[in-house]
Amino acid sequence: MTTTTQTVREIALNQPSSIRVFEQFGIDYCCGGASLSQKRVCRQPGNRRVIAALEAASGRARED
């Protein structure tokens, strides 16, 4: 499970399944956006779906 204080980069490193989610939503997880926290990214309009997608990806990763 991720926390809202983790950066997008930290999430991508710790939860590789999140990379697909970030790419799907056009979230930069490796360069310019890497220092953004999950809270800041997901606070933007329409990005509540990002949290749900990250949670779903995390669940799929555990089931695999």
PDB file of N, CA and C in Angstrom:
ATOM      1  N   MET A   1       0.841  -1.183   0.000  1.00  0.00           N
ATOM      2  CA  MET A   1       0.000   0.000   0.000  1.00  0.00           C
ATOM      3  C   MET A   1       0.886   1.246   0.000  1.00  0.00           C
ATOM      4  N   THR A   2       0.498   2.217  -0.755  1.00  0.00           N
ATOM      5  CA  THR A   2       1.266   3.449  -0.833  1.00  0.00           C
ATOM      6  C   THR A   2       0.716   4.468   0.162  1.00  0.00           C
ATOM      7  N   THR A   3       1.541   5.444   0.470  1.00  0.00           N
ATOM      8  CA  THR A   3       1.083   6.535   1.319  1.00  0.00           C
ATOM      9  C   THR A   3       1.067   7.808   0.496  1.00  0.00           C
ATOM     10  N   THR A   4       0.311   8.781   0.963  1.00  0.00           N
ATOM     11  CA  THR A   4       0.185  10.023   0.204  1.00  0.00           C
ATOM     12  C   THR A   4       1.434  10.876   0.289  1.00  0.00           C
ATOM     13  N   THR A   5       2.376  10.526   1.159  1.00  0.00           N
ATOM     14  CA  THR A   5       3.609  11.302   1.256  1.00  0.00           C
ATOM     15  C   THR A   5       4.712  10.755   0.363  1.00  0.00           C
ATOM     16  N   GLN A   6       4.531   9.562  -0.180  1.00  0.00           N
ATOM     17  CA  GLN A   6       5.524   9.003  -1.085  1.00  0.00           C
ATOM     18  C   GLN A   6       5.507   9.786  -2.389  1.00  0.00           C
ATOM     19  N   THR A   7       6.673   9.898  -2.997  1.00  0.00           N
ATOM     20  CA  THR A   7       6.726  10.523  -4.309  1.00  0.00           C
ATOM     21  C   THR A   7       6.263   9.510  -5.353  1.00  0.00           C
ATOM     22  N   VAL A   8       5.895  10.023  -6.504  1.00  0.00           N
ATOM     23  CA  VAL A   8       5.491   9.154  -7.601  1.00  0.00           C
ATOM     24  C   VAL A   8       6.630   8.200  -7.951  1.00  0.00           C
ATOM     25  N   ARG A   9       7.845   8.698  -7.934  1.00  0.00           N
ATOM     26  CA  ARG A   9       9.013   7.853  -8.217  1.00  0.00           C
ATOM     27  C   ARG A   9       9.143   6.724  -7.198  1.00  0.00           C
ATOM     28  N   GLU A  10       8.984   7.040  -5.918  1.00  0.00           N
ATOM     29  CA  GLU A  10       9.081   6.019  -4.870  1.00  0.00           C
ATOM     30  C   GLU A  10       8.021   4.934  -5.058  1.00  0.00           C
ATOM     31  N   ILE A  11       6.833   5.366  -5.417  1.00  0.00           N
ATOM     32  CA  ILE A  11       5.761   4.398  -5.652  1.00  0.00           C
ATOM     33  C   ILE A  11       6.130   3.483  -6.811  1.00  0.00           C
ATOM     34  N   ALA A  12       6.612   4.066  -7.902  1.00  0.00           N
ATOM     35  CA  ALA A  12       6.997   3.275  -9.073  1.00  0.00           C
ATOM     36  C   ALA A  12       8.112   2.287  -8.737  1.00  0.00           C
ATOM     37  N   LEU A  13       9.066   2.702  -7.934  1.00  0.00           N
ATOM     38  CA  LEU A  13      10.167   1.809  -7.559  1.00  0.00           C
ATOM     39  C   LEU A  13       9.709   0.688  -6.633  1.00  0.00           C
ATOM     40  N   ASN A  14       8.842   1.016  -5.690  1.00  0.00           N
ATOM     41  CA  ASN A  14       8.394   0.034  -4.705  1.00  0.00           C
ATOM     42  C   ASN A  14       7.255  -0.845  -5.193  1.00  0.00           C
ATOM     43  N   GLN A  15       6.508  -0.361  -6.164  1.00  0.00           N
ATOM     44  CA  GLN A  15       5.353  -1.091  -6.680  1.00  0.00           C
ATOM     45  C   GLN A  15       5.386  -1.015  -8.208  1.00  0.00           C
ATOM     46  N   PRO A  16       6.167  -1.867  -8.846  1.00  0.00           N
ATOM     47  CA  PRO A  16       6.311  -1.805 -10.302  1.00  0.00           C
ATOM     48  C   PRO A  16       4.984  -1.840 -11.065  1.00  0.00           C
ATOM     49  N   SER A  17       3.966  -2.460 -10.501  1.00  0.00           N
ATOM     50  CA  SER A  17       2.669  -2.500 -11.176  1.00  0.00           C
ATOM     51  C   SER A  17       2.056  -1.115 -11.311  1.00  0.00           C
ATOM     52  N   SER A  18       2.533  -0.158 -10.530  1.00  0.00           N
ATOM     53  CA  SER A  18       2.008   1.210 -10.600  1.00  0.00           C
ATOM     54  C   SER A  18       2.460   1.932 -11.871  1.00  0.00           C
ATOM     55  N   ILE A  19       3.536   1.471 -12.467  1.00  0.00           N
ATOM     56  CA  ILE A  19       4.065   2.132 -13.662  1.00  0.00           C
ATOM     57  C   ILE A  19       3.024   2.158 -14.771  1.00  0.00           C
ATOM     58  N   ARG A  20       2.333   1.061 -14.971  1.00  0.00           N
ATOM     59  CA  ARG A  20       1.281   1.016 -15.998  1.00  0.00           C
ATOM     60  C   ARG A  20       0.185   2.032 -15.703  1.00  0.00           C
ATOM     61  N   VAL A  21      -0.154   2.165 -14.436  1.00  0.00           N
ATOM     62  CA  VAL A  21      -1.187   3.122 -14.041  1.00  0.00           C
ATOM     63  C   VAL A  21      -0.723   4.541 -14.349  1.00  0.00           C
ATOM     64  N   PHE A  22       0.504   4.868 -13.953  1.00  0.00           N
ATOM     65  CA  PHE A  22       1.022   6.211 -14.210  1.00  0.00           C
ATOM     66  C   PHE A  22       1.057   6.500 -15.709  1.00  0.00           C
ATOM     67  N   GLU A  23       1.456   5.523 -16.493  1.00  0.00           N
ATOM     68  CA  GLU A  23       1.496   5.722 -17.940  1.00  0.00           C
ATOM     69  C   GLU A  23       0.094   5.904 -18.508  1.00  0.00           C
ATOM     70  N   GLN A  24      -0.855   5.141 -18.003  1.00  0.00           N
ATOM     71  CA  GLN A  24      -2.246   5.233 -18.458  1.00  0.00           C
ATOM     72  C   GLN A  24      -2.798   6.641 -18.232  1.00  0.00           C
ATOM     73  N   PHE A  25      -2.445   7.247 -17.104  1.00  0.00           N
ATOM     74  CA  PHE A  25      -2.961   8.562 -16.753  1.00  0.00           C
ATOM     75  C   PHE A  25      -2.024   9.692 -17.158  1.00  0.00           C
ATOM     76  N   GLY A  26      -0.918   9.364 -17.823  1.00  0.00           N
ATOM     77  CA  GLY A  26       0.008  10.388 -18.280  1.00  0.00           C
ATOM     78  C   GLY A  26       0.768  11.075 -17.153  1.00  0.00           C
ATOM     79  N   ILE A  27       1.057  10.332 -16.089  1.00  0.00           N
ATOM     80  CA  ILE A  27       1.773  10.870 -14.933  1.00  0.00           C
ATOM     81  C   ILE A  27       3.252  10.532 -15.066  1.00  0.00           C
ATOM     82  N   ASP A  28       4.083  11.553 -15.035  1.00  0.00           N
ATOM     83  CA  ASP A  28       5.532  11.382 -15.158  1.00  0.00           C
ATOM     84  C   ASP A  28       6.075  10.837 -13.840  1.00  0.00           C
ATOM     85  N   TYR A  29       6.597   9.618 -13.879  1.00  0.00           N
ATOM     86  CA  TYR A  29       7.109   8.978 -12.662  1.00  0.00           C
ATOM     87  C   TYR A  29       8.626   8.889 -12.636  1.00  0.00           C
ATOM     88  N   CYS A  30       9.287   9.351 -13.704  1.00  0.00           N
ATOM     89  CA  CYS A  30      10.734   9.172 -13.736  1.00  0.00           C
ATOM     90  C   CYS A  30      11.527  10.471 -13.853  1.00  0.00           C
ATOM     91  N   CYS A  31      10.961  11.493 -14.398  1.00  0.00           N
ATOM     92  CA  CYS A  31      11.750  12.715 -14.621  1.00  0.00           C
ATOM     93  C   CYS A  31      11.136  13.891 -13.864  1.00  0.00           C
ATOM     94  N   GLY A  32      10.516  14.800 -14.572  1.00  0.00           N
ATOM     95  CA  GLY A  32       9.976  16.013 -13.968  1.00  0.00           C
ATOM     96  C   GLY A  32       8.951  15.791 -12.880  1.00  0.00           C
ATOM     97  N   GLY A  33       8.112  14.779 -13.027  1.00  0.00           N
ATOM     98  CA  GLY A  33       7.072  14.531 -12.036  1.00  0.00           C
ATOM     99  C   GLY A  33       7.503  13.621 -10.913  1.00  0.00           C
ATOM    100  N   ALA A  34       8.706  13.098 -10.990  1.00  0.00           N
ATOM    101  CA  ALA A  34       9.164  12.106 -10.023  1.00  0.00           C
ATOM    102  C   ALA A  34       9.177  12.617  -8.589  1.00  0.00           C
ATOM    103  N   SER A  35       9.335  13.920  -8.411  1.00  0.00           N
ATOM    104  CA  SER A  35       9.404  14.450  -7.053  1.00  0.00           C
ATOM    105  C   SER A  35       8.031  14.830  -6.501  1.00  0.00           C
ATOM    106  N   LEU A  36       6.985  14.699  -7.307  1.00  0.00           N
ATOM    107  CA  LEU A  36       5.642  15.026  -6.838  1.00  0.00           C
ATOM    108  C   LEU A  36       5.124  13.936  -5.923  1.00  0.00           C
ATOM    109  N   SER A  37       4.443  14.328  -4.859  1.00  0.00           N
ATOM    110  CA  SER A  37       3.857  13.336  -3.967  1.00  0.00           C
ATOM    111  C   SER A  37       2.574  12.804  -4.576  1.00  0.00           C
ATOM    112  N   GLN A  38       2.198  11.623  -4.157  1.00  0.00           N
ATOM    113  CA  GLN A  38       0.946  11.024  -4.628  1.00  0.00           C
ATOM    114  C   GLN A  38      -0.216  11.941  -4.265  1.00  0.00           C
ATOM    115  N   LYS A  39      -0.189  12.519  -3.089  1.00  0.00           N
ATOM    116  CA  LYS A  39      -1.278  13.393  -2.647  1.00  0.00           C
ATOM    117  C   LYS A  39      -1.445  14.556  -3.612  1.00  0.00           C
ATOM    118  N   ARG A  40      -0.349  15.167  -4.022  1.00  0.00           N
ATOM    119  CA  ARG A  40      -0.413  16.320  -4.924  1.00  0.00           C
ATOM    120  C   ARG A  40      -0.914  15.914  -6.307  1.00  0.00           C
ATOM    121  N   VAL A  41      -0.437  14.793  -6.809  1.00  0.00           N
ATOM    122  CA  VAL A  41      -0.854  14.323  -8.126  1.00  0.00           C
ATOM    123  C   VAL A  41      -2.337  13.958  -8.125  1.00  0.00           C
ATOM    124  N   CYS A  42      -2.762  13.258  -7.116  1.00  0.00           N
ATOM    125  CA  CYS A  42      -4.131  12.746  -7.088  1.00  0.00           C
ATOM    126  C   CYS A  42      -5.153  13.803  -6.679  1.00  0.00           C
ATOM    127  N   ARG A  43      -4.705  14.926  -6.202  1.00  0.00           N
ATOM    128  CA  ARG A  43      -5.602  16.009  -5.828  1.00  0.00           C
ATOM    129  C   ARG A  43      -6.111  16.753  -7.061  1.00  0.00           C
ATOM    130  N   GLN A  44      -5.434  16.608  -8.167  1.00  0.00           N
ATOM    131  CA  GLN A  44      -5.828  17.290  -9.388  1.00  0.00           C
ATOM    132  C   GLN A  44      -7.176  16.738  -9.854  1.00  0.00           C
ATOM    133  N   PRO A  45      -7.986  17.571 -10.505  1.00  0.00           N
ATOM    134  CA  PRO A  45      -9.329  17.143 -10.932  1.00  0.00           C
ATOM    135  C   PRO A  45      -9.307  15.837 -11.723  1.00  0.00           C
ATOM    136  N   GLY A  46     -10.193  14.933 -11.363  1.00  0.00           N
ATOM    137  CA  GLY A  46     -10.330  13.676 -12.092  1.00  0.00           C
ATOM    138  C   GLY A  46      -9.336  12.606 -11.701  1.00  0.00           C
ATOM    139  N   ASN A  47      -8.372  12.914 -10.863  1.00  0.00           N
ATOM    140  CA  ASN A  47      -7.338  11.929 -10.574  1.00  0.00           C
ATOM    141  C   ASN A  47      -7.629  11.045  -9.371  1.00  0.00           C
ATOM    142  N   ARG A  48      -8.835  11.120  -8.838  1.00  0.00           N
ATOM    143  CA  ARG A  48      -9.203  10.152  -7.792  1.00  0.00           C
ATOM    144  C   ARG A  48      -9.194   8.743  -8.368  1.00  0.00           C
ATOM    145  N   ARG A  49      -9.406   8.689  -9.686  1.00  0.00           N
ATOM    146  CA  ARG A  49      -9.354   7.388 -10.359  1.00  0.00           C
ATOM    147  C   ARG A  49      -7.958   6.796 -10.295  1.00  0.00           C
ATOM    148  N   VAL A  50      -6.946   7.644 -10.174  1.00  0.00           N
ATOM    149  CA  VAL A  50      -5.562   7.147 -10.088  1.00  0.00           C
ATOM    150  C   VAL A  50      -5.398   6.305  -8.829  1.00  0.00           C
ATOM    151  N   ILE A  51      -5.921   6.788  -7.718  1.00  0.00           N
ATOM    152  CA  ILE A  51      -5.802   6.042  -6.461  1.00  0.00           C
ATOM    153  C   ILE A  51      -6.473   4.680  -6.591  1.00  0.00           C
ATOM    154  N   ALA A  52      -7.674   4.664  -7.141  1.00  0.00           N
ATOM    155  CA  ALA A  52      -8.384   3.393  -7.312  1.00  0.00           C
ATOM    156  C   ALA A  52      -7.597   2.453  -8.219  1.00  0.00           C
ATOM    157  N   ALA A  53      -7.022   2.989  -9.286  1.00  0.00           N
ATOM    158  CA  ALA A  53      -6.242   2.164 -10.208  1.00  0.00           C
ATOM    159  C   ALA A  53      -4.970   1.643  -9.550  1.00  0.00           C
ATOM    160  N   LEU A  54      -4.324   2.476  -8.728  1.00  0.00           N
ATOM    161  CA  LEU A  54      -3.123   2.030  -8.011  1.00  0.00           C
ATOM    162  C   LEU A  54      -3.465   0.902  -7.039  1.00  0.00           C
ATOM    163  N   GLU A  55      -4.573   1.066  -6.342  1.00  0.00           N
ATOM    164  CA  GLU A  55      -4.993   0.026  -5.397  1.00  0.00           C
ATOM    165  C   GLU A  55      -5.324  -1.277  -6.117  1.00  0.00           C
ATOM    166  N   ALA A  56      -5.995  -1.143  -7.258  1.00  0.00           N
ATOM    167  CA  ALA A  56      -6.322  -2.339  -8.044  1.00  0.00           C
ATOM    168  C   ALA A  56      -5.058  -3.013  -8.556  1.00  0.00           C
ATOM    169  N   ALA A  57      -4.102  -2.229  -9.037  1.00  0.00           N
ATOM    170  CA  ALA A  57      -2.837  -2.783  -9.525  1.00  0.00           C
ATOM    171  C   ALA A  57      -2.078  -3.462  -8.397  1.00  0.00           C
ATOM    172  N   SER A  58      -2.121  -2.867  -7.231  1.00  0.00           N
ATOM    173  CA  SER A  58      -1.448  -3.450  -6.071  1.00  0.00           C
ATOM    174  C   SER A  58      -2.076  -4.792  -5.716  1.00  0.00           C
ATOM    175  N   GLY A  59      -3.387  -4.867  -5.772  1.00  0.00           N
ATOM    176  CA  GLY A  59      -4.096  -6.107  -5.480  1.00  0.00           C
ATOM    177  C   GLY A  59      -3.779  -7.183  -6.494  1.00  0.00           C
ATOM    178  N   ARG A  60      -3.718  -6.804  -7.765  1.00  0.00           N
ATOM    179  CA  ARG A  60      -3.374  -7.760  -8.813  1.00  0.00           C
ATOM    180  C   ARG A  60      -1.963  -8.281  -8.622  1.00  0.00           C
ATOM    181  N   ALA A  61      -1.052  -7.396  -8.202  1.00  0.00           N
ATOM    182  CA  ALA A  61       0.336  -7.809  -8.018  1.00  0.00           C
ATOM    183  C   ALA A  61       0.442  -8.857  -6.915  1.00  0.00           C
ATOM    184  N   ARG A  62      -0.334  -8.701  -5.849  1.00  0.00           N
ATOM    185  CA  ARG A  62      -0.291  -9.648  -4.744  1.00  0.00           C
ATOM    186  C   ARG A  62      -0.895 -10.982  -5.138  1.00  0.00           C
ATOM    187  N   GLU A  63      -1.893 -10.965  -6.030  1.00  0.00           N
ATOM    188  CA  GLU A  63      -2.557 -12.193  -6.427  1.00  0.00           C
ATOM    189  C   GLU A  63      -1.738 -13.014  -7.410  1.00  0.00           C
ATOM    190  N   ASP A  64      -0.861 -12.347  -8.183  1.00  0.00           N
ATOM    191  CA  ASP A  64      -0.067 -13.030  -9.210  1.00  0.00           C
ATOM    192  C   ASP A  64       0.910 -14.015  -8.608  1.00  0.00           C
TER     193      ASP A  64
END
